[in-house]
Amino acid sequence: MERRTVSIVLLLLSLPLFAAPAMLPVEDVRMHDTTSYLGENATVTDSPAVRVVAYENLSTHAQDLYRQTLEHDGTYRVAIDDGASDYRYYNGNGQFKSLVIERPANSTLPPADESYHPQYELMTTSTVRPPLFSGAYVPQMMLLFLAICSLLSGLYLFFNDHA
């Protein structure tokens, strides 16, 4: 095959490779965050909109998500299907739903993120897009990399046709 033909094939190949990442959807994730605080002067019953749930009353899966959140420095993301029904997740517009978890006395849980009320932990949950440089975007980034390589190789061969 001639260099010019190879260059045209590479240039044409780059077009669908540039379009392909837009066709691959990235699934939202369930976000669990315990880095927010109740506040120094707040009492747990200040807001009727915030539910207070004892740790023991959470399902096993919800307890595991709470523990994982604490072990991952207060933020933990899971796939949509891996969320717990105990938590209410808002979606689409980045709104958060809060829940106060009452920690058991003398538990083996990781330390609470709550500095003012260590017996209670404020957890916010939501449905969000994963961060840009998370593993969720690897297929899109690989396709973009291949598209750029194909485009640059095609341009190089097209304009440097002296064999």
Foldseek 3Di string as FASTA:
>chain_A
DALLVLLVVLLVVLVVLLVVLVVDDQAWKKKKFQLDECDQPHDPPPDPQEAEEELVPFDPLVNVVVLVCVVVVGMDIDGPVSDGPVADAADDPPDKGKYKYQYDPPDPGHFHSYDNDRRITIMIIYIGGDDPPDPSCVVSVVSNVSSVVSNVSSVCSNVPNDD
